[in-house]
Amino acid sequence: MRISGAQRLLEKAVWKIKNQRNDFQPILGLSRGILAKQMDDTAIGNFFLKMKFKGEFAGKTVMEVPPAYTSQACSQCGNIVKKDLSVRIHHCLQCGLVLDRDHNAAKNILRLGAGNHNVPT
């Protein structure tokens, strides 16, 4: 069966709209009110599902790690350094490590993702 030019254009438009909806993560704005937690859980779950699919497609492994204390635990010695979100530099008084808060958290997340749940040495 031949597909006409109009049908092809319609399929292309439907595909584009579907992808635009799929790409948009409706967390902000919908995460207020009675169903806030359910909306956030759904959006985060959808995000991880997409990440796992993209990872498999690229031949990579995507795994979830618990985010607790990843920006407060020192990536060098494991000491917990309490700080507000406004503090952007991680400074460990125990081992002297000084680096950006996000860089410290990334090192901790990488360690957790590699399966090393022990205190860093």
PDB file of N, CA and C in Angstrom:
ATOM      1  N   MET A   1       0.835  -1.172   0.000  1.00  0.00           N
ATOM      2  CA  MET A   1       0.000   0.000   0.000  1.00  0.00           C
ATOM      3  C   MET A   1       0.890   1.249   0.000  1.00  0.00           C
ATOM      4  N   ARG A   2       0.594   2.156  -0.893  1.00  0.00           N
ATOM      5  CA  ARG A   2       1.369   3.399  -0.992  1.00  0.00           C
ATOM      6  C   ARG A   2       0.825   4.423  -0.012  1.00  0.00           C
ATOM      7  N   ILE A   3       1.745   5.169   0.566  1.00  0.00           N
ATOM      8  CA  ILE A   3       1.368   6.252   1.481  1.00  0.00           C
ATOM      9  C   ILE A   3       1.448   7.557   0.710  1.00  0.00           C
ATOM     10  N   SER A   4       0.380   8.318   0.777  1.00  0.00           N
ATOM     11  CA  SER A   4       0.360   9.596   0.053  1.00  0.00           C
ATOM     12  C   SER A   4       1.226  10.619   0.781  1.00  0.00           C
ATOM     13  N   GLY A   5       1.521  11.705   0.099  1.00  0.00           N
ATOM     14  CA  GLY A   5       2.322  12.774   0.685  1.00  0.00           C
ATOM     15  C   GLY A   5       1.652  13.395   1.903  1.00  0.00           C
ATOM     16  N   ALA A   6       0.318  13.520   1.856  1.00  0.00           N
ATOM     17  CA  ALA A   6      -0.420  14.097   2.977  1.00  0.00           C
ATOM     18  C   ALA A   6      -0.348  13.186   4.197  1.00  0.00           C
ATOM     19  N   GLN A   7      -0.451  11.865   3.960  1.00  0.00           N
ATOM     20  CA  GLN A   7      -0.365  10.922   5.068  1.00  0.00           C
ATOM     21  C   GLN A   7       1.019  10.958   5.698  1.00  0.00           C
ATOM     22  N   ARG A   8       2.024  11.058   4.853  1.00  0.00           N
ATOM     23  CA  ARG A   8       3.407  11.115   5.346  1.00  0.00           C
ATOM     24  C   ARG A   8       3.628  12.377   6.193  1.00  0.00           C
ATOM     25  N   LEU A   9       3.103  13.508   5.730  1.00  0.00           N
ATOM     26  CA  LEU A   9       3.217  14.752   6.489  1.00  0.00           C
ATOM     27  C   LEU A   9       2.486  14.655   7.829  1.00  0.00           C
ATOM     28  N   LEU A  10       1.315  14.021   7.811  1.00  0.00           N
ATOM     29  CA  LEU A  10       0.545  13.854   9.037  1.00  0.00           C
ATOM     30  C   LEU A  10       1.298  12.966  10.020  1.00  0.00           C
ATOM     31  N   GLU A  11       1.846  11.850   9.562  1.00  0.00           N
ATOM     32  CA  GLU A  11       2.617  10.961  10.426  1.00  0.00           C
ATOM     33  C   GLU A  11       3.825  11.682  11.014  1.00  0.00           C
ATOM     34  N   LYS A  12       4.472  12.481  10.188  1.00  0.00           N
ATOM     35  CA  LYS A  12       5.648  13.231  10.648  1.00  0.00           C
ATOM     36  C   LYS A  12       5.256  14.242  11.734  1.00  0.00           C
ATOM     37  N   ALA A  13       4.126  14.919  11.554  1.00  0.00           N
ATOM     38  CA  ALA A  13       3.646  15.893  12.537  1.00  0.00           C
ATOM     39  C   ALA A  13       3.267  15.208  13.845  1.00  0.00           C
ATOM     40  N   VAL A  14       2.595  14.065  13.754  1.00  0.00           N
ATOM     41  CA  VAL A  14       2.209  13.309  14.957  1.00  0.00           C
ATOM     42  C   VAL A  14       3.458  12.838  15.688  1.00  0.00           C
ATOM     43  N   TRP A  15       4.436  12.340  14.945  1.00  0.00           N
ATOM     44  CA  TRP A  15       5.691  11.874  15.540  1.00  0.00           C
ATOM     45  C   TRP A  15       6.411  13.015  16.259  1.00  0.00           C
ATOM     46  N   LYS A  16       6.432  14.190  15.623  1.00  0.00           N
ATOM     47  CA  LYS A  16       7.113  15.340  16.213  1.00  0.00           C
ATOM     48  C   LYS A  16       6.423  15.775  17.509  1.00  0.00           C
ATOM     49  N   ILE A  17       5.104  15.847  17.507  1.00  0.00           N
ATOM     50  CA  ILE A  17       4.353  16.240  18.704  1.00  0.00           C
ATOM     51  C   ILE A  17       4.558  15.220  19.818  1.00  0.00           C
ATOM     52  N   LYS A  18       4.531  13.936  19.466  1.00  0.00           N
ATOM     53  CA  LYS A  18       4.743  12.882  20.464  1.00  0.00           C
ATOM     54  C   LYS A  18       6.108  13.034  21.121  1.00  0.00           C
ATOM     55  N   ASN A  19       7.139  13.282  20.325  1.00  0.00           N
ATOM     56  CA  ASN A  19       8.483  13.459  20.870  1.00  0.00           C
ATOM     57  C   ASN A  19       8.597  14.717  21.725  1.00  0.00           C
ATOM     58  N   GLN A  20       7.935  15.795  21.298  1.00  0.00           N
ATOM     59  CA  GLN A  20       7.978  17.017  22.094  1.00  0.00           C
ATOM     60  C   GLN A  20       7.330  16.794  23.451  1.00  0.00           C
ATOM     61  N   ARG A  21       6.202  16.108  23.482  1.00  0.00           N
ATOM     62  CA  ARG A  21       5.547  15.811  24.758  1.00  0.00           C
ATOM     63  C   ARG A  21       6.402  14.894  25.606  1.00  0.00           C
ATOM     64  N   ASN A  22       7.018  13.929  24.968  1.00  0.00           N
ATOM     65  CA  ASN A  22       7.830  12.963  25.678  1.00  0.00           C
ATOM     66  C   ASN A  22       9.094  13.598  26.252  1.00  0.00           C
ATOM     67  N   ASP A  23       9.665  14.559  25.540  1.00  0.00           N
ATOM     68  CA  ASP A  23      10.880  15.221  25.996  1.00  0.00           C
ATOM     69  C   ASP A  23      10.634  16.162  27.161  1.00  0.00           C
ATOM     70  N   PHE A  24       9.434  16.688  27.262  1.00  0.00           N
ATOM     71  CA  PHE A  24       9.129  17.665  28.293  1.00  0.00           C
ATOM     72  C   PHE A  24       8.812  16.956  29.596  1.00  0.00           C
ATOM     73  N   GLN A  25       9.567  17.246  30.633  1.00  0.00           N
ATOM     74  CA  GLN A  25       9.322  16.657  31.947  1.00  0.00           C
ATOM     75  C   GLN A  25       8.488  17.633  32.779  1.00  0.00           C
ATOM     76  N   PRO A  26       7.206  17.363  32.957  1.00  0.00           N
ATOM     77  CA  PRO A  26       6.323  18.321  33.641  1.00  0.00           C
ATOM     78  C   PRO A  26       6.427  18.256  35.153  1.00  0.00           C
ATOM     79  N   ILE A  27       7.589  18.618  35.692  1.00  0.00           N
ATOM     80  CA  ILE A  27       7.752  18.583  37.153  1.00  0.00           C
ATOM     81  C   ILE A  27       7.292  19.902  37.756  1.00  0.00           C
ATOM     82  N   LEU A  28       7.909  20.995  37.343  1.00  0.00           N
ATOM     83  CA  LEU A  28       7.565  22.292  37.898  1.00  0.00           C
ATOM     84  C   LEU A  28       6.176  22.695  37.439  1.00  0.00           C
ATOM     85  N   GLY A  29       5.406  23.259  38.298  1.00  0.00           N
ATOM     86  CA  GLY A  29       4.057  23.672  37.943  1.00  0.00           C
ATOM     87  C   GLY A  29       3.037  22.602  38.273  1.00  0.00           C
ATOM     88  N   LEU A  30       3.326  21.359  37.935  1.00  0.00           N
ATOM     89  CA  LEU A  30       2.406  20.277  38.264  1.00  0.00           C
ATOM     90  C   LEU A  30       2.697  19.698  39.645  1.00  0.00           C
ATOM     91  N   SER A  31       3.854  20.020  40.191  1.00  0.00           N
ATOM     92  CA  SER A  31       4.218  19.442  41.480  1.00  0.00           C
ATOM     93  C   SER A  31       3.758  20.321  42.644  1.00  0.00           C
ATOM     94  N   ARG A  32       2.535  20.801  42.547  1.00  0.00           N
ATOM     95  CA  ARG A  32       1.926  21.564  43.628  1.00  0.00           C
ATOM     96  C   ARG A  32       0.547  20.976  43.891  1.00  0.00           C
ATOM     97  N   GLY A  33       0.119  21.027  45.128  1.00  0.00           N
ATOM     98  CA  GLY A  33      -1.228  20.569  45.433  1.00  0.00           C
ATOM     99  C   GLY A  33      -1.262  19.167  45.995  1.00  0.00           C
ATOM    100  N   ILE A  34      -2.430  18.574  45.914  1.00  0.00           N
ATOM    101  CA  ILE A  34      -2.688  17.289  46.553  1.00  0.00           C
ATOM    102  C   ILE A  34      -1.840  16.164  45.955  1.00  0.00           C
ATOM    103  N   LEU A  35      -1.643  16.161  44.648  1.00  0.00           N
ATOM    104  CA  LEU A  35      -0.936  15.074  43.979  1.00  0.00           C
ATOM    105  C   LEU A  35       0.534  15.383  43.713  1.00  0.00           C
ATOM    106  N   ALA A  36       1.116  16.314  44.455  1.00  0.00           N
ATOM    107  CA  ALA A  36       2.488  16.764  44.190  1.00  0.00           C
ATOM    108  C   ALA A  36       3.487  15.613  44.221  1.00  0.00           C
ATOM    109  N   LYS A  37       3.460  14.815  45.277  1.00  0.00           N
ATOM    110  CA  LYS A  37       4.432  13.733  45.404  1.00  0.00           C
ATOM    111  C   LYS A  37       4.275  12.707  44.282  1.00  0.00           C
ATOM    112  N   GLN A  38       3.039  12.363  43.954  1.00  0.00           N
ATOM    113  CA  GLN A  38       2.813  11.398  42.888  1.00  0.00           C
ATOM    114  C   GLN A  38       3.310  11.928  41.541  1.00  0.00           C
ATOM    115  N   MET A  39       3.106  13.224  41.286  1.00  0.00           N
ATOM    116  CA  MET A  39       3.571  13.828  40.029  1.00  0.00           C
ATOM    117  C   MET A  39       5.093  13.816  39.970  1.00  0.00           C
ATOM    118  N   ASP A  40       5.745  14.177  41.074  1.00  0.00           N
ATOM    119  CA  ASP A  40       7.200  14.173  41.103  1.00  0.00           C
ATOM    120  C   ASP A  40       7.742  12.766  40.906  1.00  0.00           C
ATOM    121  N   ASP A  41       7.142  11.777  41.608  1.00  0.00           N
ATOM    122  CA  ASP A  41       7.587  10.394  41.475  1.00  0.00           C
ATOM    123  C   ASP A  41       7.428   9.906  40.041  1.00  0.00           C
ATOM    124  N   THR A  42       6.330  10.250  39.403  1.00  0.00           N
ATOM    125  CA  THR A  42       6.086   9.832  38.020  1.00  0.00           C
ATOM    126  C   THR A  42       7.100  10.458  37.076  1.00  0.00           C
ATOM    127  N   ALA A  43       7.346  11.753  37.230  1.00  0.00           N
ATOM    128  CA  ALA A  43       8.288  12.446  36.350  1.00  0.00           C
ATOM    129  C   ALA A  43       9.706  11.916  36.539  1.00  0.00           C
ATOM    130  N   ILE A  44      10.121  11.702  37.787  1.00  0.00           N
ATOM    131  CA  ILE A  44      11.465  11.176  38.052  1.00  0.00           C
ATOM    132  C   ILE A  44      11.581   9.748  37.517  1.00  0.00           C
ATOM    133  N   GLY A  45      10.535   8.945  37.747  1.00  0.00           N
ATOM    134  CA  GLY A  45      10.546   7.574  37.230  1.00  0.00           C
ATOM    135  C   GLY A  45      10.639   7.542  35.720  1.00  0.00           C
ATOM    136  N   ASN A  46       9.920   8.440  35.055  1.00  0.00           N
ATOM    137  CA  ASN A  46       9.957   8.534  33.601  1.00  0.00           C
ATOM    138  C   ASN A  46      11.351   8.957  33.131  1.00  0.00           C
ATOM    139  N   PHE A  47      11.973   9.869  33.862  1.00  0.00           N
ATOM    140  CA  PHE A  47      13.319  10.330  33.535  1.00  0.00           C
ATOM    141  C   PHE A  47      14.318   9.170  33.609  1.00  0.00           C
ATOM    142  N   PHE A  48      14.261   8.381  34.701  1.00  0.00           N
ATOM    143  CA  PHE A  48      15.183   7.252  34.844  1.00  0.00           C
ATOM    144  C   PHE A  48      14.942   6.189  33.774  1.00  0.00           C
ATOM    145  N   LEU A  49      13.682   5.977  33.414  1.00  0.00           N
ATOM    146  CA  LEU A  49      13.361   5.024  32.356  1.00  0.00           C
ATOM    147  C   LEU A  49      14.007   5.450  31.044  1.00  0.00           C
ATOM    148  N   LYS A  50      13.925   6.741  30.730  1.00  0.00           N
ATOM    149  CA  LYS A  50      14.538   7.261  29.504  1.00  0.00           C
ATOM    150  C   LYS A  50      16.063   7.151  29.564  1.00  0.00           C
ATOM    151  N   MET A  51      16.629   7.459  30.737  1.00  0.00           N
ATOM    152  CA  MET A  51      18.079   7.373  30.885  1.00  0.00           C
ATOM    153  C   MET A  51      18.569   5.943  30.689  1.00  0.00           C
ATOM    154  N   LYS A  52      17.851   4.981  31.256  1.00  0.00           N
ATOM    155  CA  LYS A  52      18.243   3.577  31.091  1.00  0.00           C
ATOM    156  C   LYS A  52      18.161   3.157  29.629  1.00  0.00           C
ATOM    157  N   PHE A  53      17.120   3.581  28.936  1.00  0.00           N
ATOM    158  CA  PHE A  53      16.976   3.270  27.514  1.00  0.00           C
ATOM    159  C   PHE A  53      18.128   3.866  26.720  1.00  0.00           C
ATOM    160  N   LYS A  54      18.430   5.139  26.965  1.00  0.00           N
ATOM    161  CA  LYS A  54      19.519   5.808  26.239  1.00  0.00           C
ATOM    162  C   LYS A  54      20.858   5.148  26.555  1.00  0.00           C
ATOM    163  N   GLY A  55      21.042   4.751  27.822  1.00  0.00           N
ATOM    164  CA  GLY A  55      22.275   4.072  28.211  1.00  0.00           C
ATOM    165  C   GLY A  55      22.450   2.749  27.505  1.00  0.00           C
ATOM    166  N   GLU A  56      21.390   1.958  27.457  1.00  0.00           N
ATOM    167  CA  GLU A  56      21.442   0.673  26.748  1.00  0.00           C
ATOM    168  C   GLU A  56      21.734   0.885  25.269  1.00  0.00           C
ATOM    169  N   PHE A  57      21.103   1.895  24.683  1.00  0.00           N
ATOM    170  CA  PHE A  57      21.312   2.210  23.274  1.00  0.00           C
ATOM    171  C   PHE A  57      22.775   2.557  23.003  1.00  0.00           C
ATOM    172  N   ALA A  58      23.411   3.242  23.968  1.00  0.00           N
ATOM    173  CA  ALA A  58      24.807   3.652  23.813  1.00  0.00           C
ATOM    174  C   ALA A  58      25.788   2.604  24.341  1.00  0.00           C
ATOM    175  N   GLY A  59      25.257   1.468  24.823  1.00  0.00           N
ATOM    176  CA  GLY A  59      26.133   0.432  25.354  1.00  0.00           C
ATOM    177  C   GLY A  59      26.671   0.754  26.725  1.00  0.00           C
ATOM    178  N   LYS A  60      25.976   1.589  27.473  1.00  0.00           N
ATOM    179  CA  LYS A  60      26.397   1.999  28.810  1.00  0.00           C
ATOM    180  C   LYS A  60      25.420   1.467  29.849  1.00  0.00           C
ATOM    181  N   THR A  61      25.833   1.490  31.100  1.00  0.00           N
ATOM    182  CA  THR A  61      24.973   1.078  32.197  1.00  0.00           C
ATOM    183  C   THR A  61      24.551   2.313  32.975  1.00  0.00           C
ATOM    184  N   VAL A  62      23.261   2.423  33.215  1.00  0.00           N
ATOM    185  CA  VAL A  62      22.724   3.522  34.019  1.00  0.00           C
ATOM    186  C   VAL A  62      22.153   2.914  35.285  1.00  0.00           C
ATOM    187  N   MET A  63      22.577   3.423  36.427  1.00  0.00           N
ATOM    188  CA  MET A  63      22.050   2.916  37.689  1.00  0.00           C
ATOM    189  C   MET A  63      21.724   4.069  38.623  1.00  0.00           C
ATOM    190  N   GLU A  64      20.704   3.850  39.426  1.00  0.00           N
ATOM    191  CA  GLU A  64      20.294   4.854  40.394  1.00  0.00           C
ATOM    192  C   GLU A  64      21.161   4.700  41.645  1.00  0.00           C
ATOM    193  N   VAL A  65      21.567   5.820  42.212  1.00  0.00           N
ATOM    194  CA  VAL A  65      22.302   5.797  43.477  1.00  0.00           C
ATOM    195  C   VAL A  65      21.556   6.666  44.476  1.00  0.00           C
ATOM    196  N   PRO A  66      21.602   6.304  45.750  1.00  0.00           N
ATOM    197  CA  PRO A  66      20.927   7.123  46.752  1.00  0.00           C
ATOM    198  C   PRO A  66      21.623   8.476  46.876  1.00  0.00           C
ATOM    199  N   PRO A  67      20.889   9.577  46.767  1.00  0.00           N
ATOM    200  CA  PRO A  67      21.513  10.895  46.787  1.00  0.00           C
ATOM    201  C   PRO A  67      21.886  11.397  48.187  1.00  0.00           C
ATOM    202  N   ALA A  68      21.480  10.687  49.229  1.00  0.00           N
ATOM    203  CA  ALA A  68      21.701  11.162  50.595  1.00  0.00           C
ATOM    204  C   ALA A  68      23.183  11.392  50.889  1.00  0.00           C
ATOM    205  N   TYR A  69      23.504  12.580  51.329  1.00  0.00           N
ATOM    206  CA  TYR A  69      24.841  12.997  51.783  1.00  0.00           C
ATOM    207  C   TYR A  69      25.901  13.022  50.688  1.00  0.00           C
ATOM    208  N   THR A  70      25.542  12.935  49.431  1.00  0.00           N
ATOM    209  CA  THR A  70      26.564  12.940  48.384  1.00  0.00           C
ATOM    210  C   THR A  70      27.298  14.272  48.291  1.00  0.00           C
ATOM    211  N   SER A  71      26.644  15.370  48.657  1.00  0.00           N
ATOM    212  CA  SER A  71      27.337  16.659  48.610  1.00  0.00           C
ATOM    213  C   SER A  71      27.941  17.032  49.959  1.00  0.00           C
ATOM    214  N   GLN A  72      27.600  16.297  51.010  1.00  0.00           N
ATOM    215  CA  GLN A  72      28.130  16.615  52.336  1.00  0.00           C
ATOM    216  C   GLN A  72      29.251  15.676  52.768  1.00  0.00           C
ATOM    217  N   ALA A  73      29.262  14.453  52.257  1.00  0.00           N
ATOM    218  CA  ALA A  73      30.343  13.521  52.600  1.00  0.00           C
ATOM    219  C   ALA A  73      31.588  13.893  51.820  1.00  0.00           C
ATOM    220  N   CYS A  74      32.717  13.927  52.496  1.00  0.00           N
ATOM    221  CA  CYS A  74      33.975  14.242  51.821  1.00  0.00           C
ATOM    222  C   CYS A  74      34.340  13.078  50.909  1.00  0.00           C
ATOM    223  N   SER A  75      34.629  13.367  49.656  1.00  0.00           N
ATOM    224  CA  SER A  75      34.947  12.312  48.694  1.00  0.00           C
ATOM    225  C   SER A  75      36.331  11.720  48.925  1.00  0.00           C
ATOM    226  N   GLN A  76      37.125  12.349  49.774  1.00  0.00           N
ATOM    227  CA  GLN A  76      38.469  11.845  50.042  1.00  0.00           C
ATOM    228  C   GLN A  76      38.523  10.997  51.316  1.00  0.00           C
ATOM    229  N   CYS A  77      37.878  11.471  52.400  1.00  0.00           N
ATOM    230  CA  CYS A  77      37.981  10.750  53.671  1.00  0.00           C
ATOM    231  C   CYS A  77      36.650  10.258  54.214  1.00  0.00           C
ATOM    232  N   GLY A  78      35.516  10.708  53.668  1.00  0.00           N
ATOM    233  CA  GLY A  78      34.210  10.257  54.120  1.00  0.00           C
ATOM    234  C   GLY A  78      33.614  11.062  55.252  1.00  0.00           C
ATOM    235  N   ASN A  79      34.353  12.036  55.769  1.00  0.00           N
ATOM    236  CA  ASN A  79      33.854  12.891  56.848  1.00  0.00           C
ATOM    237  C   ASN A  79      32.629  13.673  56.366  1.00  0.00           C
ATOM    238  N   ILE A  80      31.590  13.752  57.198  1.00  0.00           N
ATOM    239  CA  ILE A  80      30.404  14.530  56.857  1.00  0.00           C
ATOM    240  C   ILE A  80      30.648  15.989  57.209  1.00  0.00           C
ATOM    241  N   VAL A  81      30.541  16.855  56.200  1.00  0.00           N
ATOM    242  CA  VAL A  81      30.727  18.292  56.381  1.00  0.00           C
ATOM    243  C   VAL A  81      29.373  18.946  56.118  1.00  0.00           C
ATOM    244  N   LYS A  82      28.647  19.278  57.194  1.00  0.00           N
ATOM    245  CA  LYS A  82      27.323  19.893  57.057  1.00  0.00           C
ATOM    246  C   LYS A  82      27.469  21.283  56.454  1.00  0.00           C
ATOM    247  N   LYS A  83      26.599  21.596  55.480  1.00  0.00           N
ATOM    248  CA  LYS A  83      26.614  22.923  54.859  1.00  0.00           C
ATOM    249  C   LYS A  83      25.260  23.200  54.237  1.00  0.00           C
ATOM    250  N   ASP A  84      24.894  24.482  54.173  1.00  0.00           N
ATOM    251  CA  ASP A  84      23.670  24.901  53.509  1.00  0.00           C
ATOM    252  C   ASP A  84      23.863  24.820  51.999  1.00  0.00           C
ATOM    253  N   LEU A  85      22.758  24.853  51.265  1.00  0.00           N
ATOM    254  CA  LEU A  85      22.850  24.831  49.806  1.00  0.00           C
ATOM    255  C   LEU A  85      23.554  26.058  49.244  1.00  0.00           C
ATOM    256  N   SER A  86      23.573  27.145  50.002  1.00  0.00           N
ATOM    257  CA  SER A  86      24.224  28.365  49.531  1.00  0.00           C
ATOM    258  C   SER A  86      25.747  28.249  49.542  1.00  0.00           C
ATOM    259  N   VAL A  87      26.286  27.304  50.299  1.00  0.00           N
ATOM    260  CA  VAL A  87      27.733  27.103  50.371  1.00  0.00           C
ATOM    261  C   VAL A  87      28.149  26.258  49.177  1.00  0.00           C
ATOM    262  N   ARG A  88      28.936  26.825  48.272  1.00  0.00           N
ATOM    263  CA  ARG A  88      29.277  26.166  47.022  1.00  0.00           C
ATOM    264  C   ARG A  88      30.630  25.457  47.046  1.00  0.00           C
ATOM    265  N   ILE A  89      31.426  25.681  48.085  1.00  0.00           N
ATOM    266  CA  ILE A  89      32.745  25.059  48.178  1.00  0.00           C
ATOM    267  C   ILE A  89      32.738  24.033  49.308  1.00  0.00           C
ATOM    268  N   HIS A  90      33.230  22.830  48.999  1.00  0.00           N
ATOM    269  CA  HIS A  90      33.380  21.784  50.010  1.00  0.00           C
ATOM    270  C   HIS A  90      34.763  21.948  50.628  1.00  0.00           C
ATOM    271  N   HIS A  91      34.806  22.119  51.949  1.00  0.00           N
ATOM    272  CA  HIS A  91      36.081  22.257  52.657  1.00  0.00           C
ATOM    273  C   HIS A  91      36.061  21.310  53.846  1.00  0.00           C
ATOM    274  N   CYS A  92      36.827  20.239  53.757  1.00  0.00           N
ATOM    275  CA  CYS A  92      36.869  19.240  54.821  1.00  0.00           C
ATOM    276  C   CYS A  92      37.945  19.626  55.831  1.00  0.00           C
ATOM    277  N   LEU A  93      37.538  19.793  57.071  1.00  0.00           N
ATOM    278  CA  LEU A  93      38.485  20.151  58.128  1.00  0.00           C
ATOM    279  C   LEU A  93      39.311  18.950  58.579  1.00  0.00           C
ATOM    280  N   GLN A  94      38.829  17.743  58.278  1.00  0.00           N
ATOM    281  CA  GLN A  94      39.540  16.537  58.708  1.00  0.00           C
ATOM    282  C   GLN A  94      40.740  16.227  57.808  1.00  0.00           C
ATOM    283  N   CYS A  95      40.544  16.257  56.486  1.00  0.00           N
ATOM    284  CA  CYS A  95      41.649  15.900  55.578  1.00  0.00           C
ATOM    285  C   CYS A  95      42.169  17.089  54.772  1.00  0.00           C
ATOM    286  N   GLY A  96      41.452  18.220  54.814  1.00  0.00           N
ATOM    287  CA  GLY A  96      41.903  19.422  54.128  1.00  0.00           C
ATOM    288  C   GLY A  96      41.480  19.535  52.671  1.00  0.00           C
ATOM    289  N   LEU A  97      40.663  18.620  52.187  1.00  0.00           N
ATOM    290  CA  LEU A  97      40.214  18.667  50.795  1.00  0.00           C
ATOM    291  C   LEU A  97      39.353  19.901  50.555  1.00  0.00           C
ATOM    292  N   VAL A  98      39.655  20.646  49.495  1.00  0.00           N
ATOM    293  CA  VAL A  98      38.873  21.817  49.104  1.00  0.00           C
ATOM    294  C   VAL A  98      38.574  21.698  47.618  1.00  0.00           C
ATOM    295  N   LEU A  99      37.276  21.644  47.283  1.00  0.00           N
ATOM    296  CA  LEU A  99      36.862  21.626  45.891  1.00  0.00           C
ATOM    297  C   LEU A  99      35.404  22.038  45.799  1.00  0.00           C
ATOM    298  N   ASP A 100      34.942  22.264  44.589  1.00  0.00           N
ATOM    299  CA  ASP A 100      33.565  22.668  44.365  1.00  0.00           C
ATOM    300  C   ASP A 100      32.616  21.617  44.929  1.00  0.00           C
ATOM    301  N   ARG A 101      31.526  22.064  45.523  1.00  0.00           N
ATOM    302  CA  ARG A 101      30.546  21.175  46.144  1.00  0.00           C
ATOM    303  C   ARG A 101      30.011  20.146  45.145  1.00  0.00           C
ATOM    304  N   ASP A 102      29.701  20.579  43.921  1.00  0.00           N
ATOM    305  CA  ASP A 102      29.164  19.675  42.911  1.00  0.00           C
ATOM    306  C   ASP A 102      30.206  18.651  42.453  1.00  0.00           C
ATOM    307  N   HIS A 103      31.456  19.059  42.381  1.00  0.00           N
ATOM    308  CA  HIS A 103      32.534  18.136  42.003  1.00  0.00           C
ATOM    309  C   HIS A 103      32.685  17.062  43.078  1.00  0.00           C
ATOM    310  N   ASN A 104      32.623  17.476  44.340  1.00  0.00           N
ATOM    311  CA  ASN A 104      32.695  16.532  45.455  1.00  0.00           C
ATOM    312  C   ASN A 104      31.536  15.533  45.379  1.00  0.00           C
ATOM    313  N   ALA A 105      30.325  16.037  45.132  1.00  0.00           N
ATOM    314  CA  ALA A 105      29.151  15.170  45.028  1.00  0.00           C
ATOM    315  C   ALA A 105      29.288  14.209  43.849  1.00  0.00           C
ATOM    316  N   ALA A 106      29.810  14.694  42.725  1.00  0.00           N
ATOM    317  CA  ALA A 106      29.985  13.842  41.548  1.00  0.00           C
ATOM    318  C   ALA A 106      30.946  12.690  41.836  1.00  0.00           C
ATOM    319  N   LYS A 107      32.012  12.969  42.571  1.00  0.00           N
ATOM    320  CA  LYS A 107      32.957  11.909  42.943  1.00  0.00           C
ATOM    321  C   LYS A 107      32.284  10.870  43.828  1.00  0.00           C
ATOM    322  N   ASN A 108      31.465  11.333  44.760  1.00  0.00           N
ATOM    323  CA  ASN A 108      30.754  10.401  45.641  1.00  0.00           C
ATOM    324  C   ASN A 108      29.749   9.564  44.858  1.00  0.00           C
ATOM    325  N   ILE A 109      29.022  10.178  43.923  1.00  0.00           N
ATOM    326  CA  ILE A 109      28.039   9.463  43.110  1.00  0.00           C
ATOM    327  C   ILE A 109      28.742   8.434  42.220  1.00  0.00           C
ATOM    328  N   LEU A 110      29.881   8.792  41.654  1.00  0.00           N
ATOM    329  CA  LEU A 110      30.654   7.860  40.831  1.00  0.00           C
ATOM    330  C   LEU A 110      31.112   6.665  41.664  1.00  0.00           C
ATOM    331  N   ARG A 111      31.573   6.923  42.879  1.00  0.00           N
ATOM    332  CA  ARG A 111      32.008   5.852  43.786  1.00  0.00           C
ATOM    333  C   ARG A 111      30.840   4.928  44.114  1.00  0.00           C
ATOM    334  N   LEU A 112      29.680   5.517  44.428  1.00  0.00           N
ATOM    335  CA  LEU A 112      28.491   4.716  44.740  1.00  0.00           C
ATOM    336  C   LEU A 112      28.026   3.908  43.524  1.00  0.00           C
ATOM    337  N   GLY A 113      28.089   4.513  42.352  1.00  0.00           N
ATOM    338  CA  GLY A 113      27.691   3.830  41.124  1.00  0.00           C
ATOM    339  C   GLY A 113      28.612   2.675  40.768  1.00  0.00           C
ATOM    340  N   ALA A 114      29.866   2.774  41.193  1.00  0.00           N
ATOM    341  CA  ALA A 114      30.828   1.697  40.935  1.00  0.00           C
ATOM    342  C   ALA A 114      30.669   0.552  41.924  1.00  0.00           C
ATOM    343  N   GLY A 115      29.745   0.723  42.874  1.00  0.00           N
ATOM    344  CA  GLY A 115      29.476  -0.337  43.845  1.00  0.00           C
ATOM    345  C   GLY A 115      30.298  -0.245  45.105  1.00  0.00           C
ATOM    346  N   ASN A 116      31.096   0.797  45.252  1.00  0.00           N
ATOM    347  CA  ASN A 116      31.893   0.975  46.453  1.00  0.00           C
ATOM    348  C   ASN A 116      31.106   1.808  47.447  1.00  0.00           C
ATOM    349  N   HIS A 117      30.500   1.150  48.421  1.00  0.00           N
ATOM    350  CA  HIS A 117      29.672   1.848  49.396  1.00  0.00           C
ATOM    351  C   HIS A 117      30.437   2.155  50.681  1.00  0.00           C
ATOM    352  N   ASN A 118      31.727   1.856  50.657  1.00  0.00           N
ATOM    353  CA  ASN A 118      32.552   2.119  51.835  1.00  0.00           C
ATOM    354  C   ASN A 118      33.020   3.564  51.850  1.00  0.00           C
ATOM    355  N   VAL A 119      33.524   3.975  53.001  1.00  0.00           N
ATOM    356  CA  VAL A 119      34.079   5.316  53.137  1.00  0.00           C
ATOM    357  C   VAL A 119      35.297   5.428  52.246  1.00  0.00           C
ATOM    358  N   PRO A 120      35.440   6.501  51.479  1.00  0.00           N
ATOM    359  CA  PRO A 120      36.607   6.656  50.595  1.00  0.00           C
ATOM    360  C   PRO A 120      37.898   6.723  51.389  1.00  0.00           C
ATOM    361  N   THR A 121      38.977   6.258  50.778  1.00  0.00           N
ATOM    362  CA  THR A 121      40.299   6.325  51.450  1.00  0.00           C
ATOM    363  C   THR A 121      41.256   7.121  50.617  1.00  0.00           C
TER     364      THR A 121
END
